[in-house]
C-alpha atoms as a PDB file:
ATOM      1  CA  MET A   1      41.469  35.688  17.205  1.00  0.00           C
ATOM      2  CA  ASN A   2      41.542  39.541  16.383  1.00  0.00           C
ATOM      3  CA  ASP A   3      41.381  41.020  13.247  1.00  0.00           C
ATOM      4  CA  MET A   4      44.977  41.619  12.551  1.00  0.00           C
ATOM      5  CA  ASP A   5      45.775  37.669  13.904  1.00  0.00           C
ATOM      6  CA  PHE A   6      42.713  36.646  11.215  1.00  0.00           C
ATOM      7  CA  ILE A   7      44.014  38.687   8.438  1.00  0.00           C
ATOM      8  CA  GLU A   8      47.670  37.053   8.768  1.00  0.00           C
ATOM      9  CA  ALA A   9      46.465  33.673   9.047  1.00  0.00           C
ATOM     10  CA  LEU A  10      43.906  34.111   5.976  1.00  0.00           C
ATOM     11  CA  LYS A  11      46.973  35.428   3.454  1.00  0.00           C
ATOM     12  CA  THR A  12      49.424  32.387   5.352  1.00  0.00           C
ATOM     13  CA  LYS A  13      46.866  29.722   4.718  1.00  0.00           C
ATOM     14  CA  ARG A  14      46.082  31.219   1.243  1.00  0.00           C
ATOM     15  CA  ASN A  15      49.488  31.142   0.230  1.00  0.00           C
ATOM     16  CA  ALA A  16      50.319  27.816   1.731  1.00  0.00           C
ATOM     17  CA  CYS A  17      47.417  26.543  -0.670  1.00  0.00           C
ATOM     18  CA  GLY A  18      48.520  27.813  -3.653  1.00  0.00           C
ATOM     19  CA  TYR A  19      45.141  30.114  -3.865  1.00  0.00           C
ATOM     20  CA  SER A  20      44.772  33.381  -5.175  1.00  0.00           C
ATOM     21  CA  GLN A  21      41.775  35.601  -4.419  1.00  0.00           C
ATOM     22  CA  SER A  22      39.781  34.734  -7.429  1.00  0.00           C
ATOM     23  CA  ARG A  23      39.993  31.177  -6.906  1.00  0.00           C
ATOM     24  CA  LEU A  24      38.830  31.364  -3.493  1.00  0.00           C
ATOM     25  CA  ALA A  25      36.103  33.807  -3.881  1.00  0.00           C
ATOM     26  CA  LYS A  26      34.494  31.506  -6.522  1.00  0.00           C
ATOM     27  CA  GLU A  27      34.814  27.952  -4.739  1.00  0.00           C
ATOM     28  CA  LEU A  28      33.235  29.716  -1.467  1.00  0.00           C
ATOM     29  CA  HIS A  29      30.629  31.380  -3.903  1.00  0.00           C
ATOM     30  CA  ILE A  30      31.480  35.154  -2.707  1.00  0.00           C
ATOM     31  CA  SER A  31      32.655  38.153  -4.538  1.00  0.00           C
ATOM     32  CA  ARG A  32      36.429  38.633  -5.278  1.00  0.00           C
ATOM     33  CA  GLN A  33      36.136  42.263  -4.134  1.00  0.00           C
ATOM     34  CA  ASN A  34      34.441  41.755  -0.815  1.00  0.00           C
ATOM     35  CA  LEU A  35      37.354  38.984  -0.155  1.00  0.00           C
ATOM     36  CA  ASN A  36      39.948  41.374  -1.235  1.00  0.00           C
ATOM     37  CA  GLU A  37      38.694  44.118   1.117  1.00  0.00           C
ATOM     38  CA  ILE A  38      38.645  41.519   4.329  1.00  0.00           C
ATOM     39  CA  ASP A  39      42.002  40.329   2.875  1.00  0.00           C
ATOM     40  CA  ASN A  40      43.433  43.941   2.910  1.00  0.00           C
ATOM     41  CA  GLY A  41      41.907  44.942   6.213  1.00  0.00           C
ATOM     42  CA  LYS A  42      39.309  47.341   4.684  1.00  0.00           C
ATOM     43  CA  THR A  43      36.098  45.130   5.830  1.00  0.00           C
ATOM     44  CA  ARG A  44      35.918  43.570   8.973  1.00  0.00           C
ATOM     45  CA  ALA A  45      34.416  39.806   8.657  1.00  0.00           C
ATOM     46  CA  SER A  46      32.153  38.597  10.620  1.00  0.00           C
ATOM     47  CA  LYS A  47      32.724  35.326  13.021  1.00  0.00           C
ATOM     48  CA  GLU A  48      31.313  32.879  10.525  1.00  0.00           C
ATOM     49  CA  MET A  49      33.017  34.464   7.301  1.00  0.00           C
ATOM     50  CA  LYS A  50      36.372  33.886   9.588  1.00  0.00           C
ATOM     51  CA  HIS A  51      35.287  30.392  10.754  1.00  0.00           C
ATOM     52  CA  THR A  52      34.443  29.656   7.185  1.00  0.00           C
ATOM     53  CA  LEU A  53      37.708  31.198   5.140  1.00  0.00           C
ATOM     54  CA  LEU A  54      40.267  29.649   7.637  1.00  0.00           C
ATOM     55  CA  HIS A  55      38.552  26.043   8.066  1.00  0.00           C
ATOM     56  CA  TYR A  56      38.018  25.682   4.055  1.00  0.00           C
ATOM     57  CA  LEU A  57      41.770  26.375   3.262  1.00  0.00           C
ATOM     58  CA  ASP A  58      42.666  23.860   6.356  1.00  0.00           C
ATOM     59  CA  TYR A  59      40.310  21.468   4.460  1.00  0.00           C
ATOM     60  CA  CYS A  60      42.110  21.958   1.018  1.00  0.00           C
ATOM     61  CA  LYS A  61      45.580  21.725   2.680  1.00  0.00           C
ATOM     62  CA  CYS A  62      44.363  18.110   4.257  1.00  0.00           C
ATOM     63  CA  THR A  63      45.044  14.995   2.029  1.00  0.00           C
ATOM     64  CA  GLN A  64      41.803  13.053   3.329  1.00  0.00           C
ATOM     65  CA  PRO A  65      39.747  16.257   4.703  1.00  0.00           C
ATOM     66  CA  PHE A  66      36.522  13.676   4.658  1.00  0.00           C
ATOM     67  CA  THR A  67      35.584   9.774   5.288  1.00  0.00           C
ATOM     68  CA  LEU A  68      32.161   8.866   4.912  1.00  0.00           C
ATOM     69  CA  ASN A  69      31.296   5.417   6.459  1.00  0.00           C
ATOM     70  CA  ILE A  70      27.704   3.462   6.743  1.00  0.00           C
ATOM     71  CA  ASP A  71      26.784   3.395  10.234  1.00  0.00           C
ATOM     72  CA  TYR A  72      23.477   1.778  10.115  1.00  0.00           C
ATOM     73  CA  LEU A  73      21.831  -0.429   7.143  1.00  0.00           C
ATOM     74  CA  PRO A  74      18.862  -2.779   7.645  1.00  0.00           C
ATOM     75  CA  VAL A  75      17.659  -4.590   4.477  1.00  0.00           C
ATOM     76  CA  CYS A  76      14.358  -6.425   4.088  1.00  0.00           C
ATOM     77  CA  PHE A  77      14.394  -9.381   1.707  1.00  0.00           C
ATOM     78  CA  PRO A  78      11.034 -11.059   0.355  1.00  0.00           C
ATOM     79  CA  THR A  79      12.054 -14.675   1.439  1.00  0.00           C
ATOM     80  CA  THR A  80      11.818 -16.694   4.932  1.00  0.00           C
ATOM     81  CA  ASP A  81      15.028 -18.356   3.941  1.00  0.00           C
ATOM     82  CA  ALA A  82      17.777 -16.844   6.272  1.00  0.00           C
ATOM     83  CA  LEU A  83      20.348 -19.166   5.111  1.00  0.00           C
ATOM     84  CA  GLU A  84      19.692 -18.260   1.308  1.00  0.00           C
ATOM     85  CA  ILE A  85      20.476 -14.439   2.695  1.00  0.00           C
ATOM     86  CA  ILE A  86      23.708 -15.642   4.376  1.00  0.00           C
ATOM     87  CA  LYS A  87      24.873 -17.529   1.827  1.00  0.00           C
ATOM     88  CA  ASN A  88      24.262 -15.684  -1.475  1.00  0.00           C
ATOM     89  CA  VAL A  89      24.300 -11.938   0.035  1.00  0.00           C
ATOM     90  CA  LEU A  90      26.686 -11.911   2.680  1.00  0.00           C
ATOM     91  CA  SER A  91      28.744 -14.828   1.053  1.00  0.00           C
ATOM     92  CA  MET A  92      29.327 -16.055   4.489  1.00  0.00           C
ATOM     93  CA  LYS A  93      29.435 -19.732   5.666  1.00  0.00           C
ATOM     94  CA  VAL A  94      26.693 -20.402   8.091  1.00  0.00           C
ATOM     95  CA  GLU A  95      28.387 -22.355  10.445  1.00  0.00           C
ATOM     96  CA  TYR A  96      30.569 -19.179  11.517  1.00  0.00           C
ATOM     97  CA  PHE A  97      26.951 -17.433  13.004  1.00  0.00           C
ATOM     98  CA  ILE A  98      25.541 -18.624  16.122  1.00  0.00           C
ATOM     99  CA  HIS A  99      21.777 -19.586  15.837  1.00  0.00           C
ATOM    100  CA  GLU A 100      18.870 -18.680  18.080  1.00  0.00           C
ATOM    101  CA  ASP A 101      15.466 -19.877  18.082  1.00  0.00           C
ATOM    102  CA  TYR A 102      13.906 -16.576  18.792  1.00  0.00           C
ATOM    103  CA  GLY A 103      14.308 -13.122  17.424  1.00  0.00           C
ATOM    104  CA  LEU A 104      13.293  -9.596  18.274  1.00  0.00           C
ATOM    105  CA  PHE A 105      10.308  -7.851  17.170  1.00  0.00           C
ATOM    106  CA  GLY A 106       8.300 -10.967  16.221  1.00  0.00           C
ATOM    107  CA  TYR A 107      10.727 -12.643  14.205  1.00  0.00           C
ATOM    108  CA  GLU A 108      10.864 -16.583  15.140  1.00  0.00           C
ATOM    109  CA  GLU A 109      14.749 -16.946  14.653  1.00  0.00           C
ATOM    110  CA  LEU A 110      18.194 -14.884  14.883  1.00  0.00           C
ATOM    111  CA  TYR A 111      21.445 -15.541  12.983  1.00  0.00           C
ATOM    112  CA  ARG A 112      24.642 -13.568  14.610  1.00  0.00           C
ATOM    113  CA  TYR A 113      28.227 -13.075  13.732  1.00  0.00           C
ATOM    114  CA  GLY A 114      29.622 -10.416  15.836  1.00  0.00           C
ATOM    115  CA  GLU A 115      27.128  -7.249  15.130  1.00  0.00           C
ATOM    116  CA  ILE A 116      25.935  -8.947  11.744  1.00  0.00           C
ATOM    117  CA  ILE A 117      22.409  -9.832  12.238  1.00  0.00           C
ATOM    118  CA  VAL A 118      19.928 -11.790  10.521  1.00  0.00           C
ATOM    119  CA  THR A 119      16.552 -12.640  11.556  1.00  0.00           C
ATOM    120  CA  ALA A 120      13.812 -14.619   9.931  1.00  0.00           C
ATOM    121  CA  SER A 121       9.969 -15.354  10.148  1.00  0.00           C
ATOM    122  CA  MET A 122       7.410 -13.593   7.492  1.00  0.00           C
ATOM    123  CA  GLY A 123      10.362 -12.511   5.719  1.00  0.00           C
ATOM    124  CA  VAL A 124      14.505 -12.050   6.381  1.00  0.00           C
ATOM    125  CA  LEU A 125      16.053  -8.950   7.806  1.00  0.00           C
ATOM    126  CA  LEU A 126      19.265  -8.256   7.696  1.00  0.00           C
ATOM    127  CA  GLU A 127      20.653  -5.483  10.260  1.00  0.00           C
ATOM    128  CA  LEU A 128      24.028  -3.952  10.358  1.00  0.00           C
ATOM    129  CA  LYS A 129      24.374  -1.360  13.134  1.00  0.00           C
ATOM    130  CA  ASP A 130      27.477   0.384  13.859  1.00  0.00           C
ATOM    131  CA  MET A 131      29.932  -2.304  14.744  1.00  0.00           C
ATOM    132  CA  GLY A 132      28.140  -4.402  12.368  1.00  0.00           C
ATOM    133  CA  CYS A 133      28.836  -2.392   9.347  1.00  0.00           C
ATOM    134  CA  ARG A 134      32.737  -2.532  10.212  1.00  0.00           C
ATOM    135  CA  HIS A 135      32.393  -6.197  10.894  1.00  0.00           C
ATOM    136  CA  LEU A 136      30.823  -6.814   7.238  1.00  0.00           C
ATOM    137  CA  GLU A 137      34.008  -4.315   6.203  1.00  0.00           C
ATOM    138  CA  HIS A 138      36.394  -6.914   7.264  1.00  0.00           C
ATOM    139  CA  VAL A 139      34.350  -9.555   5.474  1.00  0.00           C
ATOM    140  CA  LEU A 140      34.136  -7.625   2.338  1.00  0.00           C
ATOM    141  CA  GLN A 141      38.046  -6.577   2.546  1.00  0.00           C
ATOM    142  CA  ALA A 142      38.843 -10.477   2.625  1.00  0.00           C
ATOM    143  CA  ARG A 143      37.143 -11.036  -0.523  1.00  0.00           C
ATOM    144  CA  GLY A 144      38.474  -8.304  -2.407  1.00  0.00           C
ATOM    145  CA  VAL A 145      35.369  -6.455  -2.895  1.00  0.00           C
ATOM    146  CA  GLY A 146      33.359  -3.422  -1.484  1.00  0.00           C
ATOM    147  CA  TRP A 147      30.183  -1.900  -0.646  1.00  0.00           C
ATOM    148  CA  TYR A 148      29.198  -1.364  -4.196  1.00  0.00           C
ATOM    149  CA  ASN A 149      29.506  -5.147  -4.725  1.00  0.00           C
ATOM    150  CA  PHE A 150      27.169  -5.772  -1.429  1.00  0.00           C
ATOM    151  CA  LEU A 151      24.703  -3.595  -2.398  1.00  0.00           C
ATOM    152  CA  SER A 152      24.320  -4.946  -5.781  1.00  0.00           C
ATOM    153  CA  ARG A 153      23.823  -8.636  -4.377  1.00  0.00           C
ATOM    154  CA  CYS A 154      21.078  -7.065  -2.184  1.00  0.00           C
ATOM    155  CA  MET A 155      19.421  -5.569  -4.938  1.00  0.00           C
ATOM    156  CA  ASP A 156      19.905  -8.852  -6.881  1.00  0.00           C
ATOM    157  CA  TYR A 157      17.973 -10.526  -4.448  1.00  0.00           C
ATOM    158  CA  GLU A 158      15.224  -7.883  -4.312  1.00  0.00           C
ATOM    159  CA  GLY A 159      16.224  -6.263  -1.087  1.00  0.00           C
ATOM    160  CA  ILE A 160      14.510  -3.260   0.179  1.00  0.00           C
ATOM    161  CA  PHE A 161      16.722  -0.635   2.101  1.00  0.00           C
ATOM    162  CA  LYS A 162      14.554   0.762   4.521  1.00  0.00           C
ATOM    163  CA  ARG A 163      17.246   3.210   5.776  1.00  0.00           C
ATOM    164  CA  LEU A 164      20.680   4.349   5.429  1.00  0.00           C
ATOM    165  CA  ASP A 165      22.714   6.505   7.864  1.00  0.00           C
ATOM    166  CA  LEU A 166      26.183   7.828   6.859  1.00  0.00           C
ATOM    167  CA  ALA A 167      28.690   8.663   9.283  1.00  0.00           C
ATOM    168  CA  VAL A 168      31.108  11.590   8.386  1.00  0.00           C
ATOM    169  CA  ASN A 169      34.814  11.952   9.655  1.00  0.00           C
ATOM    170  CA  ASP A 170      35.671  15.296   9.235  1.00  0.00           C
ATOM    171  CA  MET A 171      39.780  14.786   9.206  1.00  0.00           C
ATOM    172  CA  GLY A 172      39.929  18.704   8.002  1.00  0.00           C
ATOM    173  CA  GLY A 173      38.037  20.620  10.618  1.00  0.00           C
ATOM    174  CA  LEU A 174      35.923  22.306   8.090  1.00  0.00           C
ATOM    175  CA  LEU A 175      32.707  21.468  10.078  1.00  0.00           C
ATOM    176  CA  ASP A 176      32.034  23.176  13.316  1.00  0.00           C
ATOM    177  CA  ILE A 177      29.828  21.765  16.063  1.00  0.00           C
ATOM    178  CA  GLU A 178      28.974  25.194  17.641  1.00  0.00           C
ATOM    179  CA  ILE A 179      28.294  26.891  14.278  1.00  0.00           C
ATOM    180  CA  LEU A 180      26.127  23.820  13.158  1.00  0.00           C
ATOM    181  CA  ARG A 181      24.028  24.054  16.550  1.00  0.00           C
ATOM    182  CA  GLU A 182      23.558  28.012  16.175  1.00  0.00           C
ATOM    183  CA  ARG A 183      22.277  27.583  12.290  1.00  0.00           C
ATOM    184  CA  TYR A 184      20.303  24.383  13.312  1.00  0.00           C
ATOM    185  CA  TYR A 185      17.909  26.563  15.811  1.00  0.00           C
ATOM    186  CA  ALA A 186      17.841  29.474  13.904  1.00  0.00           C
ATOM    187  CA  ASP A 187      16.249  27.307  11.117  1.00  0.00           C
ATOM    188  CA  LYS A 188      19.128  27.708   8.503  1.00  0.00           C
ATOM    189  CA  VAL A 189      19.732  24.186   7.945  1.00  0.00           C
ATOM    190  CA  TRP A 190      18.001  22.050   5.255  1.00  0.00           C
ATOM    191  CA  LYS A 191      16.414  19.448   7.137  1.00  0.00           C
ATOM    192  CA  ARG A 192      14.256  16.110   5.579  1.00  0.00           C
ATOM    193  CA  SER A 193      12.546  13.294   7.338  1.00  0.00           C
ATOM    194  CA  ARG A 194      10.345  10.798   6.030  1.00  0.00           C
ATOM    195  CA  LYS A 195       7.858   8.031   7.509  1.00  0.00           C
ATOM    196  CA  TYR A 196       7.983   4.738   7.217  1.00  0.00           C
ATOM    197  CA  GLU A 197       6.483   4.242   3.422  1.00  0.00           C
ATOM    198  CA  GLY A 198       3.533   1.596   4.860  1.00  0.00           C
ATOM    199  CA  GLY A 199       2.647   4.691   7.111  1.00  0.00           C
ATOM    200  CA  VAL A 200       1.434   1.228   9.264  1.00  0.00           C
ATOM    201  CA  VAL A 201       2.482  -0.096  12.827  1.00  0.00           C
ATOM    202  CA  ILE A 202       2.035  -3.783  13.695  1.00  0.00           C
ATOM    203  CA  GLN A 203       1.776  -4.204  17.049  1.00  0.00           C
ATOM    204  CA  GLY A 204       4.664  -5.704  19.094  1.00  0.00           C
ATOM    205  CA  ALA A 205       6.950  -5.487  15.924  1.00  0.00           C
ATOM    206  CA  SER A 206       9.078  -3.506  13.645  1.00  0.00           C
ATOM    207  CA  GLY A 207      11.079  -3.499  10.534  1.00  0.00           C
ATOM    208  CA  LEU A 208       8.722  -5.760   8.752  1.00  0.00           C
ATOM    209  CA  LEU A 209       8.484  -5.847   5.137  1.00  0.00           C
ATOM    210  CA  ILE A 210       4.802  -4.421   4.690  1.00  0.00           C
ATOM    211  CA  ARG A 211       2.972  -3.278   1.877  1.00  0.00           C
ATOM    212  CA  ILE A 212      -0.597  -1.534   1.071  1.00  0.00           C
ATOM    213  CA  ALA A 213      -2.628  -4.181  -0.707  1.00  0.00           C
ATOM    214  CA  LYS A 214      -3.599  -3.359  -4.417  1.00  0.00           C
ATOM    215  CA  CYS A 215      -7.009  -4.785  -4.439  1.00  0.00           C
ATOM    216  CA  CYS A 216      -8.762  -2.979  -1.531  1.00  0.00           C
ATOM    217  CA  ASN A 217      -6.427   0.277  -1.432  1.00  0.00           C
ATOM    218  CA  PRO A 218      -6.758   1.176   2.220  1.00  0.00           C
ATOM    219  CA  VAL A 219      -6.422   4.956   3.828  1.00  0.00           C
ATOM    220  CA  PRO A 220      -5.974   6.045   7.168  1.00  0.00           C
ATOM    221  CA  ASP A 221      -8.842   6.219   9.278  1.00  0.00           C
ATOM    222  CA  ASP A 222      -9.938   2.995   7.263  1.00  0.00           C
ATOM    223  CA  ASP A 223     -10.389  -0.181   9.478  1.00  0.00           C
ATOM    224  CA  ILE A 224      -7.721  -2.556   8.680  1.00  0.00           C
ATOM    225  CA  VAL A 225      -5.617  -5.903   9.483  1.00  0.00           C
ATOM    226  CA  GLY A 226      -2.353  -7.287   8.390  1.00  0.00           C
ATOM    227  CA  TYR A 227      -2.282 -10.221   6.419  1.00  0.00           C
ATOM    228  CA  ILE A 228       1.027 -12.577   6.293  1.00  0.00           C
ATOM    229  CA  THR A 229       1.780 -13.430   2.568  1.00  0.00           C
ATOM    230  CA  LYS A 230       4.091 -16.169   1.753  1.00  0.00           C
ATOM    231  CA  GLY A 231       7.051 -14.653   1.025  1.00  0.00           C
ATOM    232  CA  ARG A 232       6.224 -11.274   0.692  1.00  0.00           C
ATOM    233  CA  GLY A 233       5.735  -9.733   3.919  1.00  0.00           C
ATOM    234  CA  VAL A 234       2.755  -8.471   5.349  1.00  0.00           C
ATOM    235  CA  ALA A 235      -0.378  -6.891   3.187  1.00  0.00           C
ATOM    236  CA  ILE A 236      -2.348  -4.461   4.740  1.00  0.00           C
ATOM    237  CA  HIS A 237      -5.837  -4.758   4.043  1.00  0.00           C
ATOM    238  CA  ARG A 238      -9.210  -3.276   4.517  1.00  0.00           C
ATOM    239  CA  VAL A 239     -11.069  -5.264   6.986  1.00  0.00           C
ATOM    240  CA  ASP A 240     -13.970  -5.580   4.871  1.00  0.00           C
ATOM    241  CA  CYS A 241     -11.887  -6.606   1.787  1.00  0.00           C
ATOM    242  CA  MET A 242     -13.539  -9.469  -0.180  1.00  0.00           C
ATOM    243  CA  ASN A 243     -10.225 -10.962  -1.828  1.00  0.00           C
ATOM    244  CA  LEU A 244      -9.037 -10.893   1.539  1.00  0.00           C
ATOM    245  CA  ARG A 245     -11.689 -12.954   3.099  1.00  0.00           C
ATOM    246  CA  SER A 246     -11.655 -15.649   0.041  1.00  0.00           C
ATOM    247  CA  GLN A 247      -8.035 -16.686   1.131  1.00  0.00           C
ATOM    248  CA  GLU A 248      -8.040 -20.113   2.583  1.00  0.00           C
ATOM    249  CA  ASN A 249      -7.958 -20.203   6.630  1.00  0.00           C
ATOM    250  CA  TYR A 250      -6.877 -16.440   6.259  1.00  0.00           C
ATOM    251  CA  GLU A 251      -8.069 -15.989  10.192  1.00  0.00           C
ATOM    252  CA  GLN A 252      -4.657 -17.631  10.860  1.00  0.00           C
ATOM    253  CA  ARG A 253      -2.426 -15.196   8.913  1.00  0.00           C
ATOM    254  CA  LEU A 254      -3.871 -11.858  10.243  1.00  0.00           C
ATOM    255  CA  LEU A 255      -2.296  -9.379  12.909  1.00  0.00           C
ATOM    256  CA  ASP A 256      -3.248  -6.397  14.421  1.00  0.00           C
ATOM    257  CA  VAL A 257      -2.287  -3.141  12.617  1.00  0.00           C
ATOM    258  CA  GLU A 258      -2.896   0.079  12.941  1.00  0.00           C
ATOM    259  CA  TRP A 259      -1.974   3.533  11.321  1.00  0.00           C
ATOM    260  CA  GLU A 260       0.634   5.713  12.654  1.00  0.00           C
ATOM    261  CA  ASP A 261      -0.501   8.717  14.480  1.00  0.00           C
ATOM    262  CA  GLN A 262       1.002  11.247  12.105  1.00  0.00           C
ATOM    263  CA  PHE A 263      -0.071  10.223   8.565  1.00  0.00           C
ATOM    264  CA  SER A 264      -1.350  13.550   6.860  1.00  0.00           C
ATOM    265  CA  SER A 265       1.838  14.120   4.899  1.00  0.00           C
ATOM    266  CA  LYS A 266       1.653  10.763   2.584  1.00  0.00           C
ATOM    267  CA  GLU A 267      -0.559  10.519  -0.292  1.00  0.00           C
ATOM    268  CA  TYR A 268      -2.661   7.224  -0.591  1.00  0.00           C
ATOM    269  CA  MET A 269      -4.230   6.149  -3.832  1.00  0.00           C
ATOM    270  CA  ALA A 270      -7.814   5.880  -3.438  1.00  0.00           C
ATOM    271  CA  HIS A 271     -10.562   3.773  -6.324  1.00  0.00           C
ATOM    272  CA  ILE A 272     -13.956   4.265  -6.645  1.00  0.00           C
ATOM    273  CA  ASP A 273     -16.323   3.013  -9.184  1.00  0.00           C
ATOM    274  CA  ILE A 274     -19.189   5.826 -10.405  1.00  0.00           C
ATOM    275  CA  TYR A 275     -22.475   4.383 -12.310  1.00  0.00           C
ATOM    276  CA  GLY A 276     -24.581   6.924 -13.646  1.00  0.00           C
ATOM    277  CA  LEU A 277     -26.457   8.444 -17.098  1.00  0.00           C
ATOM    278  CA  ASN A 278     -24.621   8.219 -19.904  1.00  0.00           C
ATOM    279  CA  ARG A 279     -25.257  11.911 -20.982  1.00  0.00           C
ATOM    280  CA  SER A 280     -22.965  14.170 -22.627  1.00  0.00           C
ATOM    281  CA  GLY A 281     -20.379  15.986 -19.959  1.00  0.00           C
ATOM    282  CA  LEU A 282     -21.222  13.402 -17.026  1.00  0.00           C
ATOM    283  CA  LEU A 283     -16.760  12.760 -17.124  1.00  0.00           C
ATOM    284  CA  ASN A 284     -16.274  16.096 -17.556  1.00  0.00           C
ATOM    285  CA  ASP A 285     -18.334  17.424 -14.593  1.00  0.00           C
ATOM    286  CA  ILE A 286     -16.891  14.070 -12.506  1.00  0.00           C
ATOM    287  CA  LEU A 287     -13.289  15.375 -13.523  1.00  0.00           C
ATOM    288  CA  GLN A 288     -14.277  18.936 -12.627  1.00  0.00           C
ATOM    289  CA  VAL A 289     -14.721  17.655  -9.043  1.00  0.00           C
ATOM    290  CA  LEU A 290     -11.762  15.784  -8.608  1.00  0.00           C
ATOM    291  CA  SER A 291      -9.611  18.757 -10.215  1.00  0.00           C
ATOM    292  CA  ASN A 292     -11.178  21.058  -7.342  1.00  0.00           C
ATOM    293  CA  THR A 293     -10.198  18.390  -4.426  1.00  0.00           C
ATOM    294  CA  THR A 294      -7.219  16.358  -5.538  1.00  0.00           C
ATOM    295  CA  LYS A 295      -3.805  17.428  -7.920  1.00  0.00           C
ATOM    296  CA  ASN A 296      -3.122  13.394  -8.360  1.00  0.00           C
ATOM    297  CA  ILE A 297      -5.633  12.265 -10.877  1.00  0.00           C
ATOM    298  CA  SER A 298      -3.839   8.642 -11.828  1.00  0.00           C
ATOM    299  CA  THR A 299      -6.450   6.818 -13.717  1.00  0.00           C
ATOM    300  CA  VAL A 300      -9.678   7.305 -15.616  1.00  0.00           C
ATOM    301  CA  ASN A 301     -11.274   4.820 -17.016  1.00  0.00           C
ATOM    302  CA  ALA A 302     -14.992   5.299 -18.651  1.00  0.00           C
ATOM    303  CA  GLN A 303     -16.910   2.372 -20.434  1.00  0.00           C
ATOM    304  CA  PRO A 304     -20.784   2.541 -21.352  1.00  0.00           C
ATOM    305  CA  THR A 305     -23.026  -0.255 -20.880  1.00  0.00           C
ATOM    306  CA  LYS A 306     -24.314  -2.754 -23.662  1.00  0.00           C
ATOM    307  CA  ASP A 307     -27.423  -0.918 -24.088  1.00  0.00           C
ATOM    308  CA  MET A 308     -25.245   2.604 -24.383  1.00  0.00           C
ATOM    309  CA  LYS A 309     -27.810   4.115 -21.760  1.00  0.00           C
ATOM    310  CA  PHE A 310     -25.361   4.155 -18.788  1.00  0.00           C
ATOM    311  CA  ALA A 311     -21.609   4.746 -17.835  1.00  0.00           C
ATOM    312  CA  ASN A 312     -19.320   3.003 -15.295  1.00  0.00           C
ATOM    313  CA  ILE A 313     -16.527   5.104 -14.531  1.00  0.00           C
ATOM    314  CA  HIS A 314     -13.548   3.995 -12.566  1.00  0.00           C
ATOM    315  CA  VAL A 315     -11.359   6.624 -11.018  1.00  0.00           C
ATOM    316  CA  CYS A 316      -8.025   6.292  -9.250  1.00  0.00           C
ATOM    317  CA  PHE A 317      -6.581   9.475  -7.461  1.00  0.00           C
ATOM    318  CA  GLY A 318      -4.368  10.590  -4.476  1.00  0.00           C
ATOM    319  CA  ILE A 319      -5.862  11.546  -1.148  1.00  0.00           C
ATOM    320  CA  PHE A 320      -4.245  11.752   2.175  1.00  0.00           C
ATOM    321  CA  ASN A 321      -7.241  10.173   4.566  1.00  0.00           C
ATOM    322  CA  LEU A 322     -10.467   8.741   4.558  1.00  0.00           C
ATOM    323  CA  SER A 323     -12.026  12.145   5.502  1.00  0.00           C
ATOM    324  CA  THR A 324     -10.963  13.617   2.111  1.00  0.00           C
ATOM    325  CA  LEU A 325     -12.423  10.326   0.418  1.00  0.00           C
ATOM    326  CA  THR A 326     -15.861  11.197   1.557  1.00  0.00           C
ATOM    327  CA  THR A 327     -15.670  14.516   0.844  1.00  0.00           C
ATOM    328  CA  VAL A 328     -14.702  13.753  -2.683  1.00  0.00           C
ATOM    329  CA  VAL A 329     -17.536  10.742  -3.022  1.00  0.00           C
ATOM    330  CA  ASP A 330     -20.348  13.076  -1.633  1.00  0.00           C
ATOM    331  CA  LYS A 331     -19.205  15.651  -4.132  1.00  0.00           C
ATOM    332  CA  ILE A 332     -19.439  13.364  -6.855  1.00  0.00           C
ATOM    333  CA  LYS A 333     -22.764  11.843  -5.415  1.00  0.00           C
ATOM    334  CA  SER A 334     -24.140  15.686  -6.223  1.00  0.00           C
ATOM    335  CA  VAL A 335     -23.048  15.861  -9.850  1.00  0.00           C
ATOM    336  CA  PRO A 336     -26.701  15.527 -11.854  1.00  0.00           C
ATOM    337  CA  GLU A 337     -27.455  11.997 -13.176  1.00  0.00           C
ATOM    338  CA  VAL A 338     -24.889   9.967 -10.984  1.00  0.00           C
ATOM    339  CA  TYR A 339     -26.513   7.133  -9.442  1.00  0.00           C
ATOM    340  CA  SER A 340     -24.120   5.851  -7.084  1.00  0.00           C
ATOM    341  CA  VAL A 341     -20.555   6.262  -6.312  1.00  0.00           C
ATOM    342  CA  LYS A 342     -18.611   3.228  -4.234  1.00  0.00           C
ATOM    343  CA  ARG A 343     -14.954   2.563  -3.637  1.00  0.00           C
ATOM    344  CA  THR A 344     -13.644  -0.583  -5.496  1.00  0.00           C
ATOM    345  CA  ASN A 345     -13.400  -3.606  -2.765  1.00  0.00           C
ATOM    346  CA  GLY A 346     -11.349  -6.453  -3.720  1.00  0.00           C
END
C-alpha cells in the first residue's frame, strides 16, 4: 500500500469508527500532532505504524474482535479418590467414563470421557487438553454454568493449577504474525517462563503433586529422595532426613528423584542452627554475614542457655543451591566465639 492509499484508508476507517484524531492518538499512546501530520501527509508513517493504525481501527469496528479460550489445564488434587473428583468437581456420572487399570506417568488407573482425562495413584490429576476443554465447556453449558463455577469447585477441593494455556482468536485482525515474529527475534516482546515450583523430576513420571519437605528443607545439589505420602502427593526429603527415617516401613514408599538441570533462578529456604558464646554483638555479627550473602532472611530466633553463658540461634534464609549454603556456613563458622553451625535435620 502506497502512502496516498494509506492516508485515504486511514481517514475512511477513522470516520467509519467515529474517531477523532485526539481519541485515536490517546488510545494508541501517540501524540496528536504526530497523528495529524500522518493524516495530512506531512509525515511518512513507518510500516509498523501503518499496521498499528489500520488494524486498530479494524479492531474497533469488529463487534467481537477477540475470543479467549482455555486451551490446556492440568489440575492436581491431594486425594487418591478419582471418583470423588468426577462426581463433585466435574459433576458428571462415573458410568459415562471409560475406566482403565493403568495410566501414564506412573499413575495406576485412568478415567476418560472424550478428552477429559482423570488419572489416580499418589494423587488425582485432572487433565484437559485442547478438545478436553471444549468437551468440558459442553458439559458446563448443559448445566447452565461456566468456567468460573468449575474453577471455584477445583479450589474448594484444594486443586493445584499446575499450568494454564490460553488461546486467542483474533477476529479483528489486530495481531499480525509477521510483525510479532520480527519483534520476537528483535527481543522486543516481553517473555516470561517459570519452571515447575518444586524444581524436582520424578524418574519416569510427570504431573505429580510434589512438595519440598519442611522438616529437612533440601536445596539443589543435596542428595534427595521422594516419599509417597498418604493423600498429599510426593514429599521431597534429604536422604539423611531423620524424620523420614522415623516413618514406619518408609523404604517401601520411596521414589527415585533428581533436581532439574537448571535450577539457579529459584530460591530455596535453608535452616541452620548456630551455637556460640553468649557475648555482646554475636547475633549482629552473624546477621552481618548473612546480609552480605543473601537478600532474604526469613526467620531469626535466638535463645540463651539456662546458665546464660551460651546462645542457640536458629536462622532461616533464602539460597539457590548447596554451594551457596556451604559458603554461608563456612563464613559463620569464622565468626569469633561461634562453636558450631549445622543444618536443621528433621
